[in-house]
Amino acid sequence: GAPGALEIPGRREAIFHAVSGLAKGDVLVIAGKGHEQGQIVGDTVHEFDDVKVAAQAIKEAGA
């Protein structure tokens, strides 16, 4: 692990956490999934879209 790093197991929760910590002028990079619109857990693909989740997190944060 990286010193000072925080591991959040759920991708949705991690995105919401990251967005909630942003200040004006900050930049957030959500990497690793890109164009994918599903998240594989075991043998199941769950619908998941980083763009939609980030937009919801920003809206709820009032940013």
Protein backbone atom coordinates (compact mmCIF):
# COMPACT_ATOMS: atom_id res chain seq x y z
CA GLY A 1 0.00 0.00 0.00
CA ALA A 2 0.87 3.62 -0.38
CA PRO A 3 1.43 5.72 2.74
CA GLY A 4 -1.68 7.78 3.45
CA ALA A 5 -3.78 5.83 0.94
CA LEU A 6 -7.37 4.89 1.67
CA GLU A 7 -8.82 1.72 0.17
CA ILE A 8 -12.58 1.74 -0.41
CA PRO A 9 -13.83 -1.63 -1.66
CA GLY A 10 -16.93 -0.48 -3.54
CA ARG A 11 -16.30 1.49 -6.74
CA ARG A 12 -19.49 3.56 -6.33
CA GLU A 13 -18.60 4.36 -2.73
CA ALA A 14 -15.05 5.25 -3.74
CA ILE A 15 -16.26 7.68 -6.41
CA PHE A 16 -18.71 9.32 -3.99
CA HIS A 17 -15.96 9.60 -1.36
CA ALA A 18 -13.53 11.14 -3.84
CA VAL A 19 -16.09 13.66 -5.11
CA SER A 20 -17.06 14.66 -1.57
CA GLY A 21 -13.46 15.63 -0.84
CA LEU A 22 -13.04 17.93 -3.84
CA ALA A 23 -12.50 21.66 -3.51
CA LYS A 24 -12.93 24.34 -6.17
CA GLY A 25 -10.25 23.91 -8.82
CA ASP A 26 -9.48 20.27 -7.94
CA VAL A 27 -9.29 17.61 -10.63
CA LEU A 28 -10.45 14.04 -10.08
CA VAL A 29 -9.30 11.21 -12.35
CA ILE A 30 -11.46 8.09 -12.27
CA ALA A 31 -9.33 5.49 -14.00
CA GLY A 32 -9.46 1.84 -14.85
CA LYS A 33 -12.87 1.29 -16.47
CA GLY A 34 -13.09 3.85 -19.25
CA HIS A 35 -15.81 3.01 -21.74
CA GLU A 36 -17.00 -0.10 -19.86
CA GLN A 37 -20.59 0.04 -18.66
CA GLY A 38 -20.49 -3.05 -16.49
CA GLN A 39 -18.62 -4.28 -13.45
CA ILE A 40 -17.74 -7.96 -13.22
CA VAL A 41 -18.19 -9.52 -9.79
CA GLY A 42 -17.48 -13.23 -9.85
CA ASP A 43 -19.36 -14.59 -12.85
CA THR A 44 -21.90 -11.76 -12.94
CA VAL A 45 -21.76 -8.49 -14.86
CA HIS A 46 -23.51 -5.67 -13.00
CA GLU A 47 -24.57 -2.52 -14.85
CA PHE A 48 -22.17 0.24 -13.82
CA ASP A 49 -21.20 3.47 -15.56
CA ASP A 50 -18.48 5.66 -14.03
CA VAL A 51 -19.79 8.74 -15.84
CA LYS A 52 -23.33 8.32 -14.48
CA VAL A 53 -22.09 7.58 -10.96
CA ALA A 54 -19.72 10.57 -10.98
CA ALA A 55 -22.49 12.86 -12.27
CA GLN A 56 -24.79 11.67 -9.50
CA ALA A 57 -22.07 12.18 -6.88
CA ILE A 58 -21.39 15.71 -8.14
CA LYS A 59 -25.09 16.54 -8.14
CA GLU A 60 -25.56 15.24 -4.60
CA ALA A 61 -22.46 17.11 -3.42
CA GLY A 62 -23.98 20.31 -4.78
CA ALA A 63 -20.93 21.02 -6.90
